[in-house]
Amino acid sequence: MSLFTLMWANLFRKPTRAWLTLGSVTVAFVLFMLLRSISAAFDSGLNVSAAQRLIVGPKYSQIDSLPIAQKQQILAIDGVTGITHTSWFGGVYQDPKNFFPQFPVDPLTYFDLHPEYTVEPADALERFAREPTSAIVDIGLMETYGWKVGQVIPIEGTIYTKTDGTRAWEFTLVGWFSEKGKASNFPLFLFNYAYFNEAAAFGNDQVDQWILRIRDPEQADEIAGQIDALYANSADPTRTVTEDEANRQFARQLGDMGFITTMIMSAVFFTIVLLTGNTMTQALRERIPELAVLKTLGFTDGAVSMMILGEAVLLCVVGGLIGIGLAFLAGPGLSEGLEGVFGSFSVAPFTAVEALGLSVLIGTGVGALPALTARRLTIVDALRK
């Protein structure tokens, strides 16, 4: 019998207790994998081209708007090399639960300022700029709803009505965009601002925010200050931040996900350490006479202590590996459901490496005291017990 076989047999001498403990460890590592992935999803995309982009929004409230007449004034500021705009449309597709962001944009300037996006097919951007009721969507959004190029997509406006008094907006899909062939960080539905500006019953010649490209990221604070100073005493004061900071502020509206996930994982693993430590301590008490026999047969103190320690590590590693596997299996399914919240969600291999290392660390920690006790155990005292 090998040492591994002996450790495995010792772990499952009490099958019910062993399987319950193993199941608890597995659940803990599934949670670890998924929570770390959620935290990473919140942080992902916050730095893509963000160093060269600024966001100019209303100073006091996100529901305020800015006049489109600001465009040329902002573009004239030294260091600003490009400008575009977005507005929150707030509509639903077929059912209120089908939520995704819809923005009226200027087709050419929007994609000029977002070079990370690849638009397909080849003529899609030209059609988007030419055809008033056209739309381009994120590839992930397109796949989720099974849309096809040329399909008319009805959107019911929840904020904006049309000049004819209706809320029924219809857009013809002319293409899609992606980041390196994958879904972008946010499942956006983009349509032509010129059509929106003409057809909307209110909010004409207004935008929610400006997106700027600057020549030198080192000048971001200086340029932001110039823009805000320009409109400080106007009817439409602004607040300018980097794109990275704007996205982080948006994410913080949902809470500090890094802190939340850390606290949840700390509570889970604290419980698991107590549970696994109790299991190993119980197992040691039940086997004291057997350990004395092993020492009588020639097993050294070190060999016995390493066997006890190995059992604890084995229990945690096996539970960790099962948890890692289950997390990877659940990842694709969760990605579809969480796309509307995070834009992109995936379980990364690096997280699996972290989980595996953590399982070894926990196993070593909970097995250290029982292993030390087994090492110090004398044959006479053990047989007397």
Protein backbone atom coordinates (compact mmCIF):
# COMPACT_ATOMS: atom_id res chain seq x y z
CA MET A 1 0.00 0.00 0.00
CA SER A 2 1.41 3.41 -1.02
CA LEU A 3 1.45 6.41 1.30
CA PHE A 4 -1.16 8.15 -0.87
CA THR A 5 -3.48 5.14 -0.67
CA LEU A 6 -3.01 5.01 3.10
CA MET A 7 -3.84 8.71 3.48
CA TRP A 8 -6.91 8.38 1.25
CA ALA A 9 -8.16 5.36 3.24
CA ASN A 10 -7.63 7.21 6.52
CA LEU A 11 -9.60 10.22 5.27
CA PHE A 12 -12.63 8.08 4.42
CA ARG A 13 -12.66 5.83 7.45
CA LYS A 14 -15.75 7.87 8.42
CA PRO A 15 -17.35 8.27 4.98
CA THR A 16 -20.23 10.55 5.98
CA ARG A 17 -18.00 12.99 7.82
CA ALA A 18 -15.39 12.93 5.06
CA TRP A 19 -17.86 13.56 2.24
CA LEU A 20 -19.60 16.37 4.10
CA THR A 21 -16.26 18.06 4.80
CA LEU A 22 -15.13 17.56 1.23
CA GLY A 23 -18.42 19.01 -0.02
CA SER A 24 -18.01 22.08 2.17
CA VAL A 25 -14.49 22.66 0.88
CA THR A 26 -15.73 22.25 -2.70
CA VAL A 27 -18.50 24.82 -2.22
CA ALA A 28 -16.00 27.24 -0.69
CA PHE A 29 -13.72 27.03 -3.72
CA VAL A 30 -16.60 27.33 -6.20
CA LEU A 31 -17.55 30.57 -4.42
CA PHE A 32 -13.93 31.71 -4.44
CA MET A 33 -13.59 31.16 -8.19
CA LEU A 34 -16.88 32.85 -9.08
CA LEU A 35 -16.52 35.79 -6.71
CA ARG A 36 -12.98 36.51 -7.88
CA SER A 37 -14.22 36.35 -11.47
CA ILE A 38 -17.07 38.77 -10.69
CA SER A 39 -14.63 41.17 -9.04
CA ALA A 40 -12.34 40.92 -12.07
CA ALA A 41 -15.30 41.55 -14.39
CA PHE A 42 -16.02 44.81 -12.57
CA ASP A 43 -12.43 45.92 -13.04
CA SER A 44 -12.05 44.71 -16.62
CA GLY A 45 -12.35 47.23 -19.36
CA LEU A 46 -11.62 50.15 -17.08
CA ASN A 47 -8.23 50.75 -18.68
CA VAL A 48 -8.84 50.02 -22.38
CA SER A 49 -7.79 53.24 -24.19
CA ALA A 50 -8.84 55.07 -21.01
CA ALA A 51 -5.52 56.88 -20.73
CA GLN A 52 -6.31 58.99 -23.83
CA ARG A 53 -10.00 59.61 -23.24
CA LEU A 54 -11.83 62.08 -21.04
CA ILE A 55 -15.52 62.10 -20.13
CA VAL A 56 -17.31 65.44 -19.86
CA GLY A 57 -20.66 65.25 -18.09
CA PRO A 58 -23.09 67.55 -16.27
CA LYS A 59 -21.61 68.81 -13.02
CA TYR A 60 -24.53 68.24 -10.66
CA SER A 61 -26.64 65.33 -11.91
CA GLN A 62 -26.44 62.49 -14.41
CA ILE A 63 -29.99 63.19 -15.54
CA ASP A 64 -29.03 66.69 -16.74
CA SER A 65 -27.91 67.20 -20.32
CA LEU A 66 -25.42 69.36 -22.18
CA PRO A 67 -26.01 71.47 -25.33
CA ILE A 68 -24.55 70.09 -28.52
CA ALA A 69 -23.26 73.60 -29.22
CA GLN A 70 -20.40 72.87 -26.79
CA LYS A 71 -18.79 70.55 -29.34
CA GLN A 72 -16.74 73.10 -31.29
CA GLN A 73 -15.74 75.00 -28.15
CA ILE A 74 -14.35 71.86 -26.51
CA LEU A 75 -12.68 70.68 -29.72
CA ALA A 76 -10.90 74.05 -29.97
CA ILE A 77 -9.05 73.47 -26.66
CA ASP A 78 -5.37 72.72 -27.21
CA GLY A 79 -4.61 69.02 -26.70
CA VAL A 80 -8.09 67.75 -27.64
CA THR A 81 -7.77 65.71 -30.84
CA GLY A 82 -11.23 64.18 -31.16
CA ILE A 83 -14.74 64.40 -29.73
CA THR A 84 -17.96 62.42 -29.81
CA HIS A 85 -21.01 62.10 -27.60
CA THR A 86 -23.50 59.63 -26.13
CA SER A 87 -26.97 59.91 -24.64
CA TRP A 88 -28.93 57.44 -22.55
CA PHE A 89 -32.02 56.36 -24.49
CA GLY A 90 -33.63 54.00 -21.98
CA GLY A 91 -35.79 51.62 -24.01
CA VAL A 92 -36.80 47.97 -23.83
CA TYR A 93 -36.87 45.21 -26.41
CA GLN A 94 -40.09 43.16 -26.45
CA ASP A 95 -40.12 42.70 -22.68
CA PRO A 96 -39.02 44.96 -19.77
CA LYS A 97 -36.62 42.26 -18.56
CA ASN A 98 -34.66 42.55 -21.83
CA PHE A 99 -32.40 45.31 -20.57
CA PHE A 100 -29.35 46.59 -22.43
CA PRO A 101 -27.96 50.12 -22.89
CA GLN A 102 -29.04 52.00 -26.01
CA PHE A 103 -27.16 55.12 -27.11
CA PRO A 104 -27.81 57.51 -29.99
CA VAL A 105 -24.33 58.36 -31.31
CA ASP A 106 -22.59 60.05 -34.20
CA PRO A 107 -21.47 56.96 -36.18
CA LEU A 108 -18.12 58.09 -37.56
CA THR A 109 -16.77 60.02 -34.58
CA TYR A 110 -17.92 57.39 -32.07
CA PHE A 111 -15.94 54.57 -33.66
CA ASP A 112 -13.04 56.92 -34.43
CA LEU A 113 -12.70 57.49 -30.68
CA HIS A 114 -13.11 53.78 -29.92
CA PRO A 115 -10.43 52.09 -32.07
CA GLU A 116 -10.60 48.97 -29.91
CA TYR A 117 -13.92 48.15 -31.61
CA THR A 118 -13.94 46.28 -34.93
CA VAL A 119 -17.07 46.89 -37.01
CA GLU A 120 -18.36 44.18 -39.35
CA PRO A 121 -19.30 43.59 -42.13
CA ALA A 122 -17.04 45.86 -44.15
CA ASP A 123 -19.78 48.27 -45.28
CA ALA A 124 -21.56 48.41 -41.90
CA LEU A 125 -20.03 51.68 -40.67
CA GLU A 126 -20.70 53.45 -43.97
CA ARG A 127 -24.34 52.28 -43.88
CA PHE A 128 -24.63 53.26 -40.24
CA ALA A 129 -23.60 56.82 -41.10
CA ARG A 130 -25.78 57.00 -44.22
CA GLU A 131 -29.04 55.31 -43.19
CA PRO A 132 -31.00 57.29 -40.53
CA THR A 133 -32.77 54.36 -38.83
CA SER A 134 -29.78 52.00 -38.85
CA ALA A 135 -28.21 50.43 -35.77
CA ILE A 136 -25.01 48.59 -34.84
CA VAL A 137 -24.84 46.33 -31.79
CA ASP A 138 -22.28 44.50 -29.69
CA ILE A 139 -21.66 41.01 -31.05
CA GLY A 140 -22.56 39.45 -27.70
CA LEU A 141 -25.92 41.22 -27.71
CA MET A 142 -26.51 40.09 -31.29
CA GLU A 143 -25.82 36.47 -30.41
CA THR A 144 -27.97 36.63 -27.26
CA TYR A 145 -31.10 37.62 -29.15
CA GLY A 146 -30.29 35.85 -32.41
CA TRP A 147 -30.47 39.02 -34.48
CA LYS A 148 -29.43 39.08 -38.15
CA VAL A 149 -28.17 41.89 -40.38
CA GLY A 150 -31.15 43.50 -42.09
CA GLN A 151 -33.56 42.65 -39.27
CA VAL A 152 -35.84 45.41 -37.99
CA ILE A 153 -35.53 45.68 -34.19
CA PRO A 154 -38.38 47.38 -32.31
CA ILE A 155 -37.46 49.33 -29.18
CA GLU A 156 -40.11 50.80 -26.92
CA GLY A 157 -38.93 54.09 -25.49
CA THR A 158 -39.35 54.43 -21.73
CA ILE A 159 -38.04 58.01 -21.65
CA TYR A 160 -38.29 59.48 -25.13
CA THR A 161 -41.44 59.71 -27.23
CA LYS A 162 -41.48 60.50 -30.94
CA THR A 163 -42.92 63.67 -32.43
CA ASP A 164 -46.02 61.70 -33.43
CA GLY A 165 -46.67 60.87 -29.75
CA THR A 166 -45.75 57.17 -29.96
CA ARG A 167 -43.01 55.32 -28.13
CA ALA A 168 -42.38 52.72 -30.85
CA TRP A 169 -38.90 53.13 -32.32
CA GLU A 170 -37.71 50.79 -35.06
CA PHE A 171 -34.12 50.30 -36.17
CA THR A 172 -32.60 48.25 -38.97
CA LEU A 173 -29.54 46.26 -37.95
CA VAL A 174 -26.67 46.90 -40.36
CA GLY A 175 -23.77 45.29 -38.47
CA TRP A 176 -22.03 44.53 -35.23
CA PHE A 177 -18.85 45.44 -33.38
CA SER A 178 -16.48 43.43 -31.20
CA GLU A 179 -13.16 43.59 -29.39
CA LYS A 180 -10.75 41.16 -31.07
CA GLY A 181 -13.69 39.05 -32.21
CA LYS A 182 -15.23 38.85 -28.74
CA ALA A 183 -18.04 40.64 -26.96
CA SER A 184 -17.08 44.11 -25.77
CA ASN A 185 -17.11 45.15 -22.15
CA PHE A 186 -20.67 46.48 -22.37
CA PRO A 187 -23.54 45.07 -24.50
CA LEU A 188 -24.33 48.30 -26.33
CA PHE A 189 -27.07 49.03 -28.86
CA LEU A 190 -26.01 52.06 -30.94
CA PHE A 191 -28.23 54.01 -33.34
CA ASN A 192 -27.92 57.22 -35.33
CA TYR A 193 -28.10 60.45 -33.30
CA ALA A 194 -29.24 62.47 -36.32
CA TYR A 195 -32.41 60.38 -36.58
CA PHE A 196 -32.99 60.53 -32.83
CA ASN A 197 -32.52 64.31 -32.78
CA GLU A 198 -35.06 64.75 -35.56
CA ALA A 199 -37.64 62.21 -34.35
CA ALA A 200 -37.62 62.81 -30.57
CA ALA A 201 -40.37 64.96 -29.10
CA PHE A 202 -37.94 66.55 -26.61
CA GLY A 203 -34.25 66.57 -25.70
CA ASN A 204 -33.27 67.88 -29.14
CA ASP A 205 -29.75 69.24 -29.62
CA GLN A 206 -28.78 67.86 -26.22
CA VAL A 207 -26.32 65.11 -25.22
CA ASP A 208 -25.66 63.34 -21.92
CA GLN A 209 -21.87 63.39 -22.11
CA TRP A 210 -18.92 64.19 -24.32
CA ILE A 211 -16.11 61.72 -24.94
CA LEU A 212 -12.77 63.31 -25.79
CA ARG A 213 -9.50 62.00 -27.12
CA ILE A 214 -6.45 63.92 -25.93
CA ARG A 215 -2.99 64.04 -27.41
CA ASP A 216 -1.03 63.54 -24.19
CA PRO A 217 -2.43 61.57 -21.23
CA GLU A 218 -0.10 63.56 -18.95
CA GLN A 219 -2.21 66.64 -19.72
CA ALA A 220 -5.50 65.01 -18.68
CA ASP A 221 -5.90 67.03 -15.47
CA GLU A 222 -4.91 70.28 -17.14
CA ILE A 223 -7.35 69.83 -20.03
CA ALA A 224 -10.13 68.72 -17.67
CA GLY A 225 -9.60 71.89 -15.65
CA GLN A 226 -9.76 74.09 -18.76
CA ILE A 227 -13.04 72.52 -19.89
CA ASP A 228 -14.71 72.86 -16.50
CA ALA A 229 -13.47 76.44 -16.14
CA LEU A 230 -14.91 77.27 -19.56
CA TYR A 231 -18.44 76.42 -18.41
CA ALA A 232 -18.12 77.19 -14.70
CA ASN A 233 -20.39 80.26 -14.88
CA SER A 234 -22.68 79.04 -17.64
CA ALA A 235 -26.13 77.47 -17.45
CA ASP A 236 -24.52 74.11 -18.22
CA PRO A 237 -21.51 73.57 -15.91
CA THR A 238 -19.48 70.44 -16.51
CA ARG A 239 -17.44 67.89 -14.60
CA THR A 240 -14.58 66.29 -16.53
CA VAL A 241 -12.79 63.09 -15.49
CA THR A 242 -10.73 60.41 -17.18
CA GLU A 243 -12.63 57.51 -18.71
CA ASP A 244 -11.04 55.19 -16.20
CA GLU A 245 -12.34 57.25 -13.28
CA ALA A 246 -15.80 57.63 -14.87
CA ASN A 247 -16.14 53.88 -15.24
CA ARG A 248 -14.95 53.27 -11.71
CA GLN A 249 -17.51 55.74 -10.38
CA PHE A 250 -20.21 53.90 -12.30
CA ALA A 251 -19.07 50.56 -10.87
CA ARG A 252 -18.99 52.00 -7.34
CA GLN A 253 -22.69 52.82 -7.64
CA LEU A 254 -23.28 49.09 -7.30
CA GLY A 255 -20.88 48.90 -4.35
CA ASP A 256 -17.19 48.22 -3.75
CA MET A 257 -17.13 44.76 -5.30
CA GLY A 258 -13.54 44.13 -4.30
CA PHE A 259 -14.35 44.76 -0.63
CA ILE A 260 -17.66 42.86 -0.77
CA THR A 261 -16.16 39.75 -2.38
CA THR A 262 -13.18 39.83 -0.01
CA MET A 263 -15.46 39.92 3.04
CA ILE A 264 -17.65 37.09 1.74
CA MET A 265 -14.64 34.92 0.92
CA SER A 266 -13.04 35.66 4.29
CA ALA A 267 -16.18 34.54 6.10
CA VAL A 268 -16.47 31.40 3.96
CA PHE A 269 -12.87 30.34 4.40
CA PHE A 270 -12.84 31.14 8.11
CA THR A 271 -15.73 28.71 8.49
CA ILE A 272 -14.00 26.12 6.30
CA VAL A 273 -10.79 26.36 8.33
CA LEU A 274 -12.74 25.72 11.54
CA LEU A 275 -14.69 22.84 9.99
CA THR A 276 -11.68 21.14 8.40
CA GLY A 277 -9.55 21.69 11.49
CA ASN A 278 -12.22 20.08 13.67
CA THR A 279 -12.44 17.12 11.27
CA MET A 280 -8.69 16.53 11.37
CA THR A 281 -8.56 16.89 15.16
CA GLN A 282 -11.35 14.34 15.58
CA ALA A 283 -9.66 11.96 13.18
CA LEU A 284 -6.40 12.24 15.16
CA ARG A 285 -8.08 11.44 18.50
CA GLU A 286 -9.73 8.33 17.04
CA ARG A 287 -6.42 7.02 15.67
CA ILE A 288 -3.97 7.57 18.53
CA PRO A 289 -3.55 3.80 19.24
CA GLU A 290 -3.10 3.13 15.51
CA LEU A 291 -0.37 5.77 15.31
CA ALA A 292 1.41 4.05 18.20
CA VAL A 293 1.28 0.76 16.29
CA LEU A 294 2.73 2.46 13.20
CA LYS A 295 5.60 3.85 15.26
CA THR A 296 6.13 0.40 16.79
CA LEU A 297 6.38 -1.06 13.28
CA GLY A 298 9.14 1.37 12.37
CA PHE A 299 7.41 4.54 11.12
CA THR A 300 9.44 7.54 12.30
CA ASP A 301 7.92 10.52 14.10
CA GLY A 302 8.47 12.58 10.96
CA ALA A 303 6.77 10.02 8.71
CA VAL A 304 3.70 9.85 10.95
CA SER A 305 3.42 13.63 11.23
CA MET A 306 3.83 14.07 7.47
CA MET A 307 1.09 11.49 6.88
CA ILE A 308 -1.32 13.46 9.11
CA LEU A 309 -0.34 16.72 7.43
CA GLY A 310 -0.68 15.11 4.00
CA GLU A 311 -4.22 13.99 4.78
CA ALA A 312 -5.27 17.57 5.57
CA VAL A 313 -3.61 18.92 2.42
CA LEU A 314 -5.11 16.10 0.33
CA LEU A 315 -8.60 16.84 1.61
CA CYS A 316 -8.34 20.54 0.80
CA VAL A 317 -6.64 20.04 -2.58
CA VAL A 318 -9.20 17.48 -3.75
CA GLY A 319 -12.04 19.78 -2.65
CA GLY A 320 -10.31 22.70 -4.34
CA LEU A 321 -9.83 20.82 -7.62
CA ILE A 322 -13.48 19.76 -7.69
CA GLY A 323 -14.53 23.33 -6.93
CA ILE A 324 -12.28 24.70 -9.69
CA GLY A 325 -13.72 22.21 -12.17
CA LEU A 326 -17.31 23.07 -11.24
CA ALA A 327 -16.57 26.80 -11.56
CA PHE A 328 -15.19 26.33 -15.07
CA LEU A 329 -18.25 24.27 -16.00
CA ALA A 330 -20.61 26.94 -14.64
CA GLY A 331 -18.68 29.82 -16.20
CA PRO A 332 -20.18 29.77 -19.73
CA GLY A 333 -23.73 29.55 -18.42
CA LEU A 334 -23.20 32.38 -15.94
CA SER A 335 -21.54 34.49 -18.62
CA GLU A 336 -24.78 34.64 -20.61
CA GLY A 337 -26.85 35.59 -17.58
CA LEU A 338 -24.39 38.22 -16.32
CA GLU A 339 -23.63 39.80 -19.69
CA GLY A 340 -26.09 42.60 -19.14
CA VAL A 341 -24.49 43.51 -15.81
CA PHE A 342 -20.77 43.08 -16.44
CA GLY A 343 -20.48 43.09 -20.21
CA SER A 344 -17.96 40.26 -20.01
CA PHE A 345 -17.55 37.49 -17.46
CA SER A 346 -15.18 34.54 -17.54
CA VAL A 347 -13.36 32.28 -15.11
CA ALA A 348 -9.65 32.87 -15.65
CA PRO A 349 -6.96 30.17 -15.43
CA PHE A 350 -4.93 32.44 -13.12
CA THR A 351 -7.81 32.36 -10.62
CA ALA A 352 -7.58 28.55 -10.68
CA VAL A 353 -3.87 28.77 -9.84
CA GLU A 354 -4.71 31.08 -6.92
CA ALA A 355 -7.39 28.67 -5.71
CA LEU A 356 -5.04 25.70 -5.90
CA GLY A 357 -2.36 27.56 -3.95
CA LEU A 358 -4.93 28.59 -1.37
CA SER A 359 -6.10 24.99 -0.95
CA VAL A 360 -2.53 23.88 -0.19
CA LEU A 361 -2.11 26.77 2.26
CA ILE A 362 -5.36 25.97 4.09
CA GLY A 363 -4.54 22.27 4.18
CA THR A 364 -1.13 23.01 5.65
CA GLY A 365 -2.62 25.37 8.21
CA VAL A 366 -5.34 23.04 9.49
CA GLY A 367 -3.04 20.00 9.45
CA ALA A 368 -0.08 21.59 11.19
CA LEU A 369 -1.31 21.20 14.79
CA PRO A 370 -2.56 17.57 14.42
CA ALA A 371 0.71 16.71 12.65
CA LEU A 372 2.76 18.25 15.46
CA THR A 373 0.69 16.38 18.04
CA ALA A 374 1.26 13.10 16.19
CA ARG A 375 4.99 13.78 16.02
CA ARG A 376 5.26 14.32 19.78
CA LEU A 377 3.17 11.25 20.60
CA THR A 378 5.11 8.55 22.45
CA ILE A 379 4.32 4.88 21.91
CA VAL A 380 3.73 4.16 25.62
CA ASP A 381 1.35 7.09 26.13
CA ALA A 382 -0.50 6.34 22.90
CA LEU A 383 -1.06 2.65 23.74
CA ARG A 384 -2.16 3.58 27.25
CA LYS A 385 -4.91 5.77 25.72
